[in-house]
Amino acid sequence: MTTKTADPEGARAAFRDIPFMGVIYVVAEAMKLGFVNGDPDWCNLGQGQPEVGTIEGAPARYDTIRLEPMDHAYGHINGVDPLVQRIAEHYNRLYRQGKRSQYGPENVAVCMGGRLMLSRTFAALGAIRVGYQTPDYTAYEDMFDYHRHRLTPVHLPAQAEHGFRIPAADYERAIVKQRLGAFLFSNPCNPTGQVVQGPELAHYVRASREHGCALISDEFYSHFIYTPDGQPGAGPISAAAHVEDVEDDPVLIIDGLTKSYRYPGWRIGWAVGPKRWIDTLGRAASAIDGGPARPMQRAALDVLEPARADQETNALRVAFAKKRNLMLERLRRMGIEPAHESESTFYVWGSIAKLPAPFNNADVFFRRALERKVMTVPGRFFDVNPGKERTGPSRFDQYMRFSFGPPYANVELGLDRIEAMLQA
């Protein structure tokens, strides 16, 4: 009889080491210095969520969720009928008025958050070449890595002289030259606060349609829109406004309640696109997540009631435009140069290259700010690099992402502390 010997080292090696990404890394490092969520003595200028309390002019925050007997059962894997219908109507109202082709409930999938919908999307893509830009949302890197046996990532670096946006003509050339089967980008962009809109966005959609490239548009910041002079924008931005036929155009839009409706903890995200793609996302979900929670979907129905939804997003643009202007003015005063004034999101993508050493290094800046109970995010986290194929220093080592997601007074306090740090 053979007795097996325990191998504790082998057991420990069963799981690979996965580093924290972006904001999660920032929070983990801050916790080592005593940070806890909700501590008013900390200024989280690195946070990826908007303030979730009361803001002037917005409808009251929800404080109860009602349960019904059917909530204890599974729902449809792509979302309950009333919510997918409400989301389709939401897109038609905002972006499709007067257009022949309209979104229906069969064009919508719901799941528990945007990252989960992105995970479904990556799992559903075929063996194709997928373009991505830098800088962009940190989570894309790991999502690519999970599927690199099938997907081929293609890097399209966005340049500072273009406001870290890829011009539409360059995008169209890349589709052809790089033989792209899909292109994924956050628009509005996390971390730069830039947005492809108007004729440029129409060109993106047209190029995708004419060259058969799936445009995957991550639009979680779609309602955070500001004018060039810092006023609240007139309304949201979406590729949905430029789609000719909702079934034929290869455009998948991903959004949710997390940012624009300030309910990140509800974990309600959705995708809008051709029915054939929505069906595929549901099939992918059967193995990945099993579908969204029914009580939160019912609550989401009320959030997206048209008058209430417009009241929320109009108030949001007013409140966040004020914080945008404060942050831009204060950072410039300190010698931190915005790469381009934020047109959207609640981020400023700032260059620290002109600061005196050692503050012109993003990791040093980050550590010194933490000592003053201020959280920021070094730019290298947004240098999406699947498989770490690009070696050497990141081209964003002298950039920081600053968030004006917290309440106004907390943003102001954080900026005061950074200014004091630089003057010490």
Protein backbone atom coordinates (compact mmCIF):
# COMPACT_ATOMS: atom_id res chain seq x y z
CA MET A 1 0.00 0.00 0.00
CA THR A 2 1.40 3.39 -1.01
CA THR A 3 0.91 6.37 1.26
CA LYS A 4 0.80 9.79 -0.41
CA THR A 5 2.98 12.47 1.14
CA ALA A 6 1.43 15.89 1.67
CA ASP A 7 2.90 18.62 -0.53
CA PRO A 8 2.07 21.96 1.11
CA GLU A 9 4.24 23.86 -1.38
CA GLY A 10 2.30 22.36 -4.28
CA ALA A 11 -0.98 23.30 -2.65
CA ARG A 12 0.19 26.88 -2.16
CA ALA A 13 1.19 27.03 -5.82
CA ALA A 14 -2.24 25.90 -6.99
CA PHE A 15 -3.41 29.52 -7.32
CA ARG A 16 -1.46 32.02 -9.37
CA ASP A 17 -0.45 35.40 -8.02
CA ILE A 18 -2.85 38.08 -9.25
CA PRO A 19 -1.86 41.69 -8.53
CA PHE A 20 -4.43 44.29 -7.56
CA MET A 21 -5.43 46.56 -10.42
CA GLY A 22 -5.57 50.35 -10.37
CA VAL A 23 -7.94 51.71 -7.77
CA ILE A 24 -8.03 48.42 -5.84
CA TYR A 25 -4.25 48.60 -5.43
CA VAL A 26 -4.54 52.19 -4.23
CA VAL A 27 -7.14 51.26 -1.63
CA ALA A 28 -5.11 48.25 -0.45
CA GLU A 29 -2.04 50.44 0.07
CA ALA A 30 -4.08 53.10 1.86
CA MET A 31 -5.56 50.47 4.19
CA LYS A 32 -2.03 49.65 5.36
CA LEU A 33 -1.92 53.25 6.63
CA GLY A 34 -5.30 53.06 8.37
CA PHE A 35 -7.80 53.95 5.66
CA VAL A 36 -11.33 52.59 6.02
CA ASN A 37 -14.23 53.37 3.72
CA GLY A 38 -16.19 56.37 4.89
CA ASP A 39 -13.39 57.87 7.02
CA PRO A 40 -13.87 61.65 6.57
CA ASP A 41 -10.20 62.28 7.35
CA TRP A 42 -9.16 60.59 4.11
CA CYS A 43 -9.52 62.15 0.65
CA ASN A 44 -9.98 59.52 -2.01
CA LEU A 45 -8.98 61.40 -5.15
CA GLY A 46 -8.36 58.00 -6.66
CA GLN A 47 -11.89 56.67 -6.36
CA GLY A 48 -13.67 55.21 -9.35
CA GLN A 49 -17.19 55.86 -8.13
CA PRO A 50 -19.16 59.11 -7.93
CA GLU A 51 -20.42 60.47 -4.65
CA VAL A 52 -23.54 58.50 -3.74
CA GLY A 53 -25.27 60.87 -1.31
CA THR A 54 -27.70 63.70 -1.87
CA ILE A 55 -26.79 66.33 -4.47
CA GLU A 56 -28.68 69.54 -5.16
CA GLY A 57 -31.52 69.17 -7.63
CA ALA A 58 -31.40 65.37 -7.79
CA PRO A 59 -34.25 63.08 -6.73
CA ALA A 60 -34.07 61.56 -3.25
CA ARG A 61 -31.82 58.56 -2.85
CA TYR A 62 -33.50 55.19 -2.49
CA ASP A 63 -33.31 53.72 1.02
CA THR A 64 -35.49 50.62 0.72
CA ILE A 65 -35.72 47.65 -1.65
CA ARG A 66 -38.97 45.67 -1.82
CA LEU A 67 -38.94 41.88 -2.11
CA GLU A 68 -41.66 39.87 -3.82
CA PRO A 69 -42.23 36.10 -3.72
CA MET A 70 -40.81 35.53 -7.22
CA ASP A 71 -37.57 37.24 -6.20
CA HIS A 72 -36.51 34.02 -4.51
CA ALA A 73 -36.40 32.28 -7.90
CA TYR A 74 -34.02 32.63 -10.83
CA GLY A 75 -34.87 35.26 -13.41
CA HIS A 76 -34.13 35.33 -17.13
CA ILE A 77 -30.40 35.11 -17.73
CA ASN A 78 -30.36 38.38 -19.71
CA GLY A 79 -32.68 40.26 -17.37
CA VAL A 80 -36.37 40.40 -16.49
CA ASP A 81 -38.77 41.54 -19.19
CA PRO A 82 -39.83 44.88 -17.64
CA LEU A 83 -36.24 46.06 -17.21
CA VAL A 84 -34.93 45.11 -20.65
CA GLN A 85 -38.00 46.85 -22.11
CA ARG A 86 -37.33 49.96 -19.99
CA ILE A 87 -33.67 50.08 -21.07
CA ALA A 88 -34.61 49.73 -24.75
CA GLU A 89 -37.10 52.58 -24.37
CA HIS A 90 -34.44 54.60 -22.52
CA TYR A 91 -32.06 54.37 -25.49
CA ASN A 92 -34.75 55.09 -28.06
CA ARG A 93 -35.88 58.17 -26.10
CA LEU A 94 -32.38 59.59 -25.65
CA TYR A 95 -30.74 58.66 -28.96
CA ARG A 96 -33.16 57.18 -31.52
CA GLN A 97 -36.06 59.64 -31.81
CA GLY A 98 -37.24 59.87 -35.40
CA LYS A 99 -35.04 56.98 -36.56
CA ARG A 100 -36.52 54.09 -38.50
CA SER A 101 -34.67 51.42 -36.55
CA GLN A 102 -35.45 51.17 -32.83
CA TYR A 103 -34.07 49.05 -30.01
CA GLY A 104 -36.41 46.42 -28.53
CA PRO A 105 -36.14 44.27 -25.41
CA GLU A 106 -34.42 41.58 -27.48
CA ASN A 107 -31.55 44.05 -27.99
CA VAL A 108 -30.75 44.32 -24.27
CA ALA A 109 -28.90 42.11 -21.78
CA VAL A 110 -28.67 42.91 -18.05
CA CYS A 111 -26.13 41.60 -15.57
CA MET A 112 -24.61 42.36 -12.16
CA GLY A 113 -22.28 45.20 -13.14
CA GLY A 114 -20.19 46.48 -16.00
CA ARG A 115 -17.13 44.34 -15.42
CA LEU A 116 -19.31 41.26 -15.52
CA MET A 117 -20.85 42.37 -18.81
CA LEU A 118 -17.34 42.94 -20.16
CA SER A 119 -16.42 39.44 -18.97
CA ARG A 120 -19.41 38.01 -20.84
CA THR A 121 -18.37 39.97 -23.92
CA PHE A 122 -14.77 38.77 -23.89
CA ALA A 123 -15.96 35.19 -23.43
CA ALA A 124 -18.33 35.53 -26.38
CA LEU A 125 -15.80 36.93 -28.88
CA GLY A 126 -14.44 34.57 -31.52
CA ALA A 127 -10.81 33.97 -32.51
CA ILE A 128 -10.22 37.49 -33.81
CA ARG A 129 -7.84 40.44 -33.57
CA VAL A 130 -9.15 42.94 -31.00
CA GLY A 131 -7.91 46.52 -30.96
CA TYR A 132 -7.54 48.53 -27.76
CA GLN A 133 -6.16 51.98 -26.97
CA THR A 134 -3.89 53.31 -24.27
CA PRO A 135 -4.46 54.86 -21.86
CA ASP A 136 -7.69 53.10 -21.01
CA TYR A 137 -9.58 51.25 -18.27
CA THR A 138 -7.24 49.07 -16.19
CA ALA A 139 -9.46 45.96 -16.09
CA TYR A 140 -9.19 45.41 -19.84
CA GLU A 141 -5.68 44.01 -19.43
CA ASP A 142 -6.67 41.03 -17.28
CA MET A 143 -9.77 40.42 -19.37
CA PHE A 144 -7.58 40.11 -22.45
CA ASP A 145 -5.20 37.81 -20.60
CA TYR A 146 -7.98 35.39 -19.65
CA HIS A 147 -8.74 34.86 -23.36
CA ARG A 148 -5.38 35.20 -25.11
CA HIS A 149 -5.52 31.60 -26.22
CA ARG A 150 -8.25 32.80 -28.59
CA LEU A 151 -8.01 36.59 -28.92
CA THR A 152 -5.11 38.57 -30.39
CA PRO A 153 -4.82 42.00 -28.70
CA VAL A 154 -3.73 44.83 -31.00
CA HIS A 155 -2.35 47.98 -29.37
CA LEU A 156 -3.43 51.37 -30.75
CA PRO A 157 -1.63 54.04 -28.67
CA ALA A 158 -3.56 57.29 -28.31
CA GLN A 159 -1.32 60.35 -28.46
CA ALA A 160 -1.19 63.46 -26.27
CA GLU A 161 -1.39 65.79 -29.28
CA HIS A 162 -4.81 64.32 -30.06
CA GLY A 163 -6.02 64.68 -26.49
CA PHE A 164 -5.34 60.96 -25.97
CA ARG A 165 -8.12 60.17 -28.43
CA ILE A 166 -7.66 58.15 -31.61
CA PRO A 167 -8.85 60.30 -34.53
CA ALA A 168 -11.63 58.61 -36.47
CA ALA A 169 -9.59 58.51 -39.70
CA ASP A 170 -6.76 56.76 -37.81
CA TYR A 171 -9.27 54.32 -36.34
CA GLU A 172 -10.60 53.45 -39.79
CA ARG A 173 -7.07 52.93 -41.16
CA ALA A 174 -6.25 50.68 -38.20
CA ILE A 175 -9.27 48.46 -38.87
CA VAL A 176 -7.97 47.77 -42.36
CA LYS A 177 -4.22 47.70 -41.71
CA GLN A 178 -4.42 45.67 -38.49
CA ARG A 179 -7.29 43.44 -39.72
CA LEU A 180 -9.34 44.15 -36.64
CA GLY A 181 -12.38 42.02 -35.89
CA ALA A 182 -13.33 44.21 -32.93
CA PHE A 183 -12.27 47.38 -31.14
CA LEU A 184 -12.87 47.98 -27.43
CA PHE A 185 -12.67 51.41 -25.80
CA SER A 186 -14.15 53.38 -22.95
CA ASN A 187 -16.00 56.39 -24.34
CA PRO A 188 -16.11 58.66 -22.37
CA CYS A 189 -12.61 57.57 -21.43
CA ASN A 190 -11.37 56.44 -18.05
CA PRO A 191 -8.76 57.86 -17.20
CA THR A 192 -8.44 60.84 -19.56
CA GLY A 193 -11.90 62.38 -19.30
CA GLN A 194 -12.00 62.68 -23.10
CA VAL A 195 -14.91 61.69 -25.30
CA VAL A 196 -15.26 60.86 -28.99
CA GLN A 197 -18.49 62.55 -30.01
CA GLY A 198 -20.40 64.20 -32.85
CA PRO A 199 -19.03 63.65 -36.37
CA GLU A 200 -15.99 61.77 -35.02
CA LEU A 201 -18.18 59.22 -33.23
CA ALA A 202 -20.42 58.95 -36.30
CA HIS A 203 -17.26 58.17 -38.32
CA TYR A 204 -16.29 55.44 -35.81
CA VAL A 205 -19.69 53.78 -36.23
CA ARG A 206 -19.67 54.14 -40.02
CA ALA A 207 -16.14 52.72 -40.31
CA SER A 208 -17.08 49.79 -38.10
CA ARG A 209 -20.15 49.09 -40.23
CA GLU A 210 -18.35 49.42 -43.58
CA HIS A 211 -15.36 47.29 -42.59
CA GLY A 212 -17.16 44.70 -40.46
CA CYS A 213 -15.39 45.52 -37.19
CA ALA A 214 -17.35 45.11 -33.94
CA LEU A 215 -17.29 48.40 -32.02
CA ILE A 216 -17.53 47.66 -28.29
CA SER A 217 -18.25 51.00 -26.66
CA ASP A 218 -17.93 51.08 -22.86
CA GLU A 219 -20.12 54.09 -22.02
CA PHE A 220 -20.40 54.08 -18.24
CA TYR A 221 -19.65 57.81 -18.01
CA SER A 222 -22.06 58.74 -20.82
CA HIS A 223 -23.95 61.41 -18.83
CA PHE A 224 -20.89 63.19 -17.40
CA ILE A 225 -20.58 65.70 -20.25
CA TYR A 226 -19.17 69.24 -19.95
CA THR A 227 -18.75 72.13 -22.38
CA PRO A 228 -15.25 73.44 -23.21
CA ASP A 229 -15.78 76.39 -20.83
CA GLY A 230 -16.71 74.09 -17.95
CA GLN A 231 -20.49 74.31 -18.01
CA PRO A 232 -22.80 71.27 -17.72
CA GLY A 233 -23.29 69.63 -21.10
CA ALA A 234 -26.69 69.52 -22.78
CA GLY A 235 -27.05 65.75 -22.45
CA PRO A 236 -25.40 62.35 -22.76
CA ILE A 237 -23.20 60.93 -25.53
CA SER A 238 -23.60 57.45 -27.04
CA ALA A 239 -22.71 55.53 -30.17
CA ALA A 240 -26.41 54.57 -30.20
CA ALA A 241 -27.19 57.95 -31.77
CA HIS A 242 -25.17 57.05 -34.87
CA VAL A 243 -26.33 53.48 -35.47
CA GLU A 244 -28.29 53.12 -38.72
CA ASP A 245 -29.80 49.69 -38.13
CA VAL A 246 -29.79 48.23 -34.63
CA GLU A 247 -29.61 44.69 -36.01
CA ASP A 248 -27.09 45.18 -38.81
CA ASP A 249 -24.63 47.71 -37.35
CA PRO A 250 -21.85 45.92 -35.41
CA VAL A 251 -22.09 48.12 -32.30
CA LEU A 252 -22.32 46.86 -28.72
CA ILE A 253 -22.88 49.47 -26.01
CA ILE A 254 -22.14 48.70 -22.35
CA ASP A 255 -23.43 50.93 -19.54
CA GLY A 256 -25.33 50.74 -16.25
CA LEU A 257 -26.44 52.46 -13.06
CA THR A 258 -22.94 52.57 -11.55
CA LYS A 259 -21.71 56.01 -12.63
CA SER A 260 -24.40 58.16 -14.25
CA TYR A 261 -27.11 57.23 -11.75
CA ARG A 262 -24.73 56.97 -8.77
CA TYR A 263 -25.74 53.48 -7.62
CA PRO A 264 -22.46 51.53 -7.90
CA GLY A 265 -23.38 49.17 -5.07
CA TRP A 266 -26.46 47.94 -6.92
CA ARG A 267 -24.26 46.23 -9.52
CA ILE A 268 -26.67 46.75 -12.43
CA GLY A 269 -25.06 46.86 -15.86
CA TRP A 270 -26.35 46.23 -19.35
CA ALA A 271 -25.41 45.76 -22.98
CA VAL A 272 -27.37 47.06 -25.96
CA GLY A 273 -26.76 45.71 -29.45
CA PRO A 274 -27.91 43.36 -32.22
CA LYS A 275 -30.20 40.55 -31.07
CA ARG A 276 -27.81 37.84 -32.27
CA TRP A 277 -25.08 39.24 -30.01
CA ILE A 278 -27.43 39.60 -27.06
CA ASP A 279 -28.43 35.94 -27.44
CA THR A 280 -24.75 34.97 -27.44
CA LEU A 281 -24.07 37.02 -24.31
CA GLY A 282 -26.88 35.15 -22.58
CA ARG A 283 -25.39 31.81 -23.52
CA ALA A 284 -22.00 32.93 -22.19
CA ALA A 285 -23.73 34.02 -18.98
CA SER A 286 -25.15 30.55 -18.40
CA ALA A 287 -21.64 29.42 -17.46
CA ILE A 288 -20.24 32.67 -16.05
CA ASP A 289 -22.83 34.24 -13.74
CA GLY A 290 -26.32 32.79 -14.18
CA GLY A 291 -28.10 36.13 -14.52
CA PRO A 292 -28.82 39.23 -12.41
CA ALA A 293 -30.62 39.52 -9.06
CA ARG A 294 -34.34 40.15 -9.44
CA PRO A 295 -34.87 42.68 -6.57
CA MET A 296 -32.21 45.05 -7.89
CA GLN A 297 -33.68 44.88 -11.37
CA ARG A 298 -37.08 45.97 -10.09
CA ALA A 299 -35.46 48.86 -8.25
CA ALA A 300 -33.64 49.83 -11.46
CA LEU A 301 -37.02 50.24 -13.18
CA ASP A 302 -37.77 53.21 -10.95
CA VAL A 303 -34.30 54.76 -11.44
CA LEU A 304 -34.83 54.73 -15.22
CA GLU A 305 -38.34 56.22 -15.13
CA PRO A 306 -37.85 59.03 -17.69
CA ALA A 307 -38.59 62.12 -15.58
CA ARG A 308 -36.63 60.81 -12.62
CA ALA A 309 -33.69 59.70 -14.80
CA ASP A 310 -33.43 63.12 -16.44
CA GLN A 311 -33.66 64.91 -13.09
CA GLU A 312 -30.78 62.81 -11.75
CA THR A 313 -28.48 63.22 -14.72
CA ASN A 314 -29.16 66.95 -15.13
CA ALA A 315 -28.31 67.52 -11.46
CA LEU A 316 -25.25 65.31 -11.83
CA ARG A 317 -23.80 67.43 -14.65
CA VAL A 318 -24.29 70.64 -12.65
CA ALA A 319 -22.67 69.25 -9.48
CA PHE A 320 -19.74 67.58 -11.24
CA ALA A 321 -18.99 70.51 -13.56
CA LYS A 322 -18.31 72.61 -10.44
CA LYS A 323 -15.90 70.02 -9.10
CA ARG A 324 -14.24 69.67 -12.51
CA ASN A 325 -13.55 73.39 -12.66
CA LEU A 326 -12.20 73.44 -9.10
CA MET A 327 -9.81 70.57 -9.75
CA LEU A 328 -8.51 71.90 -13.06
CA GLU A 329 -7.82 75.34 -11.60
CA ARG A 330 -6.13 74.04 -8.45
CA LEU A 331 -3.95 71.44 -10.22
CA ARG A 332 -2.73 74.01 -12.72
CA ARG A 333 -1.83 76.33 -9.87
CA MET A 334 0.35 73.56 -8.41
CA GLY A 335 2.18 72.97 -11.71
CA ILE A 336 0.26 69.81 -12.61
CA GLU A 337 -0.79 70.11 -16.24
CA PRO A 338 -4.00 68.46 -17.44
CA ALA A 339 -3.20 66.56 -20.61
CA HIS A 340 -6.43 68.01 -22.00
CA GLU A 341 -9.30 69.61 -20.14
CA SER A 342 -11.80 66.97 -19.08
CA GLU A 343 -14.85 66.88 -21.32
CA SER A 344 -16.43 64.02 -19.40
CA THR A 345 -16.13 61.53 -16.50
CA PHE A 346 -15.00 62.74 -13.06
CA TYR A 347 -11.28 62.46 -13.74
CA VAL A 348 -8.40 64.75 -14.61
CA TRP A 349 -5.48 63.09 -16.40
CA GLY A 350 -2.61 65.24 -15.21
CA SER A 351 1.05 65.44 -16.19
CA ILE A 352 3.47 65.83 -13.27
CA ALA A 353 6.51 66.11 -15.55
CA LYS A 354 7.17 69.77 -14.63
CA LEU A 355 7.04 69.21 -10.87
CA PRO A 356 10.37 69.28 -9.01
CA ALA A 357 11.96 65.91 -8.22
CA PRO A 358 10.99 63.59 -6.67
CA PHE A 359 7.34 64.57 -7.24
CA ASN A 360 7.70 64.21 -11.00
CA ASN A 361 7.62 60.44 -10.54
CA ALA A 362 4.10 59.01 -10.30
CA ASP A 363 4.91 56.31 -7.75
CA VAL A 364 6.73 58.76 -5.47
CA PHE A 365 3.87 61.25 -5.81
CA PHE A 366 1.40 58.49 -4.93
CA ARG A 367 3.33 57.39 -1.81
CA ARG A 368 3.91 60.91 -0.52
CA ALA A 369 0.24 61.80 -1.01
CA LEU A 370 -0.82 58.66 0.89
CA GLU A 371 1.22 59.87 3.86
CA ARG A 372 -1.08 62.92 3.88
CA LYS A 373 -4.18 60.73 3.62
CA VAL A 374 -4.81 61.53 -0.03
CA MET A 375 -5.31 58.75 -2.59
CA THR A 376 -4.42 59.17 -6.27
CA VAL A 377 -3.73 56.67 -9.08
CA PRO A 378 -0.37 56.44 -10.91
CA GLY A 379 -0.71 56.62 -14.68
CA ARG A 380 1.04 53.31 -15.36
CA PHE A 381 -2.07 51.38 -14.28
CA PHE A 382 -3.85 52.64 -17.41
CA ASP A 383 -1.10 51.47 -19.75
CA VAL A 384 -3.11 48.39 -20.76
CA ASN A 385 -0.56 45.75 -21.75
CA PRO A 386 -1.93 42.21 -22.24
CA GLY A 387 0.67 39.58 -21.51
CA LYS A 388 3.11 42.37 -20.55
CA GLU A 389 4.46 42.16 -24.09
CA ARG A 390 5.63 45.78 -24.07
CA THR A 391 8.69 46.04 -21.86
CA GLY A 392 10.51 48.94 -20.24
CA PRO A 393 9.12 52.00 -18.46
CA SER A 394 5.52 52.98 -19.06
CA ARG A 395 4.99 56.11 -21.13
CA PHE A 396 2.61 57.23 -18.38
CA ASP A 397 5.14 57.26 -15.51
CA GLN A 398 4.68 61.01 -15.24
CA TYR A 399 0.89 61.01 -15.31
CA MET A 400 -1.62 60.73 -12.47
CA ARG A 401 -5.37 60.22 -12.51
CA PHE A 402 -7.12 62.56 -10.10
CA SER A 403 -10.78 61.90 -9.27
CA PHE A 404 -13.38 64.51 -8.41
CA GLY A 405 -15.81 61.74 -7.57
CA PRO A 406 -16.03 62.58 -3.82
CA PRO A 407 -18.16 65.46 -2.46
CA TYR A 408 -16.93 69.00 -3.19
CA ALA A 409 -15.55 69.71 0.28
CA ASN A 410 -13.57 66.46 0.33
CA VAL A 411 -12.11 67.15 -3.12
CA GLU A 412 -11.11 70.62 -1.93
CA LEU A 413 -9.45 69.21 1.21
CA GLY A 414 -7.51 66.67 -0.85
CA LEU A 415 -6.25 69.39 -3.18
CA ASP A 416 -5.22 71.50 -0.17
CA ARG A 417 -3.15 68.60 1.15
CA ILE A 418 -1.47 67.97 -2.22
CA GLU A 419 -0.60 71.64 -2.47
CA ALA A 420 0.89 71.58 1.02
CA MET A 421 2.87 68.44 0.10
CA LEU A 422 4.39 70.15 -2.94
CA GLN A 423 5.26 73.30 -0.97
CA ALA A 424 6.86 71.51 2.00
